[in-house]
Amino acid sequence: MPKTLVQEFTKGLWEEIPPFRLVLGLCPTLGVTTSMENGIGMGLATTFVLVFGNILISMLRNIIPSKVRIACFIIVIATFVTVVELVMQAYTYELFLKLGVFIPLIVVNCILLGRAEAFACKNTVVYSIADGLGIGIGYTLALGALGAIREVFGSGSLTVWGDMSYSVASVFPSFQPFSFLVQAPGAFICLGLMLCVLNSIGKK
């Protein structure tokens, strides 16, 4: 039975939420989530590329030859990644510097190529938009949550966006941050614990 638009959208928020369900896009997930702001910024950039990439690929799905479809998908994705990169340099330059090389690496993010191959090239534009939005928002929430946990317990602060920053010490003066959580090992530990919790909830 075909899924409705609502089902295609909501599947990305839980049933197929990356990186906890699809276990894709782990490189930026581990690399940029030292703060909530970084996680949300990377998630929004990926969502933009995912949605517009899905739209264009869906529109061209009957034109693109099957033998060169992967190369065409990469070109489409790279085009929108370039747009995101230029827009971020113009309007959110500080965030662009923080995310660094992970912005151009969106081109090779398995989530985008996977949605293009598994969904956009086989469905209509409307359904592809719903799929891209759902997966993108789910990815943004996942990165934001992981970044918030690492930042709060690793740095003792929480930066939501720009100057909106809060200190844990203002509420708990004796709190001592676990600095390893904002380093590479902390990313693996936090991601592993979140995978464990979400998988346990999913089974129940």
Protein backbone atom coordinates (compact mmCIF):
# COMPACT_ATOMS: atom_id res chain seq x y z
CA MET A 1 0.00 0.00 0.00
CA PRO A 2 1.51 3.37 -1.04
CA LYS A 3 2.39 5.80 1.73
CA THR A 4 0.62 9.15 2.04
CA LEU A 5 2.46 12.49 1.97
CA VAL A 6 2.23 12.71 5.76
CA GLN A 7 3.75 9.25 6.14
CA GLU A 8 6.56 10.09 3.74
CA PHE A 9 7.32 13.21 5.77
CA THR A 10 7.06 11.73 9.26
CA LYS A 11 9.13 8.61 8.50
CA GLY A 12 12.24 10.80 8.58
CA LEU A 13 11.39 12.05 12.06
CA TRP A 14 11.52 8.60 13.67
CA GLU A 15 11.19 5.48 11.51
CA GLU A 16 14.10 6.42 9.23
CA ILE A 17 15.74 9.21 11.21
CA PRO A 18 19.37 9.56 10.27
CA PRO A 19 21.86 8.82 11.73
CA PHE A 20 20.09 6.73 14.38
CA ARG A 21 17.96 4.54 12.10
CA LEU A 22 19.64 4.66 8.70
CA VAL A 23 23.10 4.97 10.32
CA LEU A 24 24.22 7.24 7.46
CA GLY A 25 26.02 10.59 7.43
CA LEU A 26 28.14 9.71 10.45
CA CYS A 27 31.18 11.73 9.35
CA PRO A 28 29.59 15.19 9.86
CA THR A 29 27.56 13.81 12.77
CA LEU A 30 30.75 13.05 14.66
CA GLY A 31 32.79 15.94 13.32
CA VAL A 32 30.63 19.06 13.76
CA THR A 33 28.49 18.33 16.83
CA THR A 34 30.75 20.02 19.37
CA SER A 35 27.91 22.50 19.87
CA MET A 36 24.18 22.70 19.26
CA GLU A 37 24.65 25.64 16.89
CA ASN A 38 27.05 23.65 14.70
CA GLY A 39 24.70 20.68 14.62
CA ILE A 40 21.67 22.75 13.65
CA GLY A 41 23.67 24.69 11.05
CA MET A 42 24.94 21.52 9.38
CA GLY A 43 21.46 19.98 9.54
CA LEU A 44 19.81 22.99 7.88
CA ALA A 45 22.45 23.12 5.15
CA THR A 46 21.97 19.41 4.46
CA THR A 47 18.17 19.81 4.46
CA PHE A 48 18.36 22.56 1.83
CA VAL A 49 20.52 20.43 -0.46
CA LEU A 50 18.38 17.36 0.19
CA VAL A 51 15.06 19.06 -0.63
CA PHE A 52 16.18 20.91 -3.75
CA GLY A 53 18.28 18.00 -4.93
CA ASN A 54 15.26 15.72 -4.59
CA ILE A 55 13.10 18.18 -6.51
CA LEU A 56 15.47 18.47 -9.47
CA ILE A 57 16.26 14.75 -9.60
CA SER A 58 12.56 13.90 -9.47
CA MET A 59 11.85 16.34 -12.30
CA LEU A 60 14.61 14.81 -14.44
CA ARG A 61 14.05 11.18 -13.47
CA ASN A 62 12.66 10.24 -16.90
CA ILE A 63 15.45 12.05 -18.73
CA ILE A 64 18.56 10.91 -16.86
CA PRO A 65 20.00 7.71 -18.45
CA SER A 66 20.17 4.88 -15.93
CA LYS A 67 23.82 4.12 -16.74
CA VAL A 68 25.01 7.57 -15.66
CA ARG A 69 22.41 8.32 -12.98
CA ILE A 70 24.87 8.29 -10.05
CA ALA A 71 27.16 10.80 -11.77
CA CYS A 72 24.14 13.00 -12.56
CA PHE A 73 22.92 12.80 -8.96
CA ILE A 74 26.33 13.91 -7.69
CA ILE A 75 26.38 16.86 -10.10
CA VAL A 76 22.92 17.97 -8.94
CA ILE A 77 23.89 17.63 -5.27
CA ALA A 78 27.20 19.45 -5.82
CA THR A 79 25.34 22.35 -7.48
CA PHE A 80 23.15 22.95 -4.44
CA VAL A 81 26.07 22.45 -2.05
CA THR A 82 27.85 25.28 -3.89
CA VAL A 83 24.75 27.46 -3.42
CA VAL A 84 24.69 26.68 0.31
CA GLU A 85 28.41 27.38 0.63
CA LEU A 86 28.14 30.79 -1.04
CA VAL A 87 25.05 31.78 0.96
CA MET A 88 26.72 30.80 4.25
CA GLN A 89 29.85 32.76 3.35
CA ALA A 90 27.66 35.81 2.67
CA TYR A 91 25.27 35.68 5.65
CA THR A 92 26.62 33.29 8.34
CA TYR A 93 30.36 33.54 7.86
CA GLU A 94 31.29 32.65 11.46
CA LEU A 95 29.24 29.46 11.29
CA PHE A 96 30.74 28.70 7.88
CA LEU A 97 34.22 28.89 9.40
CA LYS A 98 33.21 26.61 12.27
CA LEU A 99 31.80 23.94 9.96
CA GLY A 100 34.78 24.25 7.64
CA VAL A 101 35.41 21.36 5.27
CA PHE A 102 32.20 19.58 6.27
CA ILE A 103 30.12 21.95 4.11
CA PRO A 104 31.67 20.87 0.77
CA LEU A 105 31.70 17.29 2.06
CA ILE A 106 27.88 17.34 1.94
CA VAL A 107 28.38 16.32 -1.70
CA VAL A 108 29.50 12.85 -0.63
CA ASN A 109 27.06 12.51 2.26
CA CYS A 110 25.46 9.06 1.91
CA ILE A 111 22.07 10.40 3.01
CA LEU A 112 21.68 12.65 -0.04
CA LEU A 113 22.86 10.13 -2.59
CA GLY A 114 20.80 7.44 -0.87
CA ARG A 115 17.56 9.46 -1.04
CA ALA A 116 18.24 10.37 -4.66
CA GLU A 117 18.79 6.74 -5.64
CA ALA A 118 16.16 5.13 -3.42
CA PHE A 119 13.38 7.71 -3.63
CA ALA A 120 13.64 10.87 -5.74
CA CYS A 121 14.42 9.10 -9.01
CA LYS A 122 11.35 6.87 -8.56
CA ASN A 123 8.70 9.28 -7.25
CA THR A 124 6.93 12.52 -8.09
CA VAL A 125 8.16 15.97 -7.08
CA VAL A 126 5.60 16.40 -4.29
CA TYR A 127 6.50 13.10 -2.65
CA SER A 128 10.20 13.84 -3.09
CA ILE A 129 9.77 17.16 -1.29
CA ALA A 130 8.01 15.43 1.61
CA ASP A 131 10.76 12.81 1.77
CA GLY A 132 13.55 15.38 1.65
CA LEU A 133 11.96 17.62 4.29
CA GLY A 134 11.28 14.72 6.66
CA ILE A 135 14.75 13.21 6.38
CA GLY A 136 16.38 16.65 6.55
CA ILE A 137 14.47 17.82 9.62
CA GLY A 138 15.10 14.50 11.32
CA TYR A 139 18.82 14.82 10.57
CA THR A 140 18.83 18.40 11.90
CA LEU A 141 17.12 17.33 15.13
CA ALA A 142 19.57 14.45 15.55
CA LEU A 143 22.63 16.67 15.08
CA GLY A 144 21.18 19.39 17.29
CA ALA A 145 20.42 16.95 20.11
CA LEU A 146 23.84 15.32 19.91
CA GLY A 147 25.54 18.71 19.79
CA ALA A 148 23.53 19.98 22.77
CA ILE A 149 24.46 16.95 24.91
CA ARG A 150 28.16 17.20 24.05
CA GLU A 151 28.24 20.95 24.59
CA VAL A 152 26.36 20.98 27.89
CA PHE A 153 28.32 18.16 29.51
CA GLY A 154 31.62 18.80 27.70
CA SER A 155 31.87 22.61 27.79
CA GLY A 156 29.38 23.56 30.50
CA SER A 157 27.43 25.84 28.17
CA LEU A 158 24.75 25.76 25.48
CA THR A 159 24.89 27.92 22.35
CA VAL A 160 21.54 27.77 20.58
CA TRP A 161 22.36 30.24 17.80
CA GLY A 162 24.65 33.24 17.53
CA ASP A 163 24.72 35.16 20.82
CA MET A 164 22.07 32.98 22.48
CA SER A 165 24.41 31.21 24.90
CA TYR A 166 23.68 29.83 28.37
CA SER A 167 26.07 28.66 31.08
CA VAL A 168 25.44 25.55 33.18
CA ALA A 169 27.46 27.11 36.02
CA SER A 170 24.79 29.81 36.42
CA VAL A 171 22.35 27.09 37.48
CA PHE A 172 24.75 24.54 38.98
CA PRO A 173 27.79 26.49 40.31
CA SER A 174 29.69 23.33 41.26
CA PHE A 175 29.32 21.70 37.83
CA GLN A 176 32.59 20.54 36.26
CA PRO A 177 32.41 19.78 32.51
CA PHE A 178 33.71 16.52 31.05
CA SER A 179 36.00 18.05 28.44
CA PHE A 180 36.59 14.76 26.60
CA LEU A 181 32.97 14.90 25.34
CA VAL A 182 33.82 17.73 22.93
CA GLN A 183 36.77 15.75 21.59
CA ALA A 184 36.70 12.89 19.08
CA PRO A 185 36.26 10.04 21.63
CA GLY A 186 33.32 11.88 23.20
CA ALA A 187 31.54 12.01 19.85
CA PHE A 188 31.68 8.21 19.52
CA ILE A 189 30.57 7.67 23.12
CA CYS A 190 27.61 10.07 22.89
CA LEU A 191 26.51 8.70 19.54
CA GLY A 192 26.74 5.13 20.84
CA LEU A 193 24.69 5.93 23.94
CA MET A 194 22.02 7.72 21.88
CA LEU A 195 21.85 4.79 19.44
CA CYS A 196 21.39 2.44 22.39
CA VAL A 197 18.60 4.51 23.95
CA LEU A 198 16.70 5.12 20.71
CA ASN A 199 16.97 1.48 19.62
CA SER A 200 15.67 0.39 23.03
CA ILE A 201 12.72 2.77 22.71
CA GLY A 202 12.08 1.56 19.17
CA LYS A 203 11.91 -2.07 20.23
CA LYS A 204 9.39 -1.26 22.96
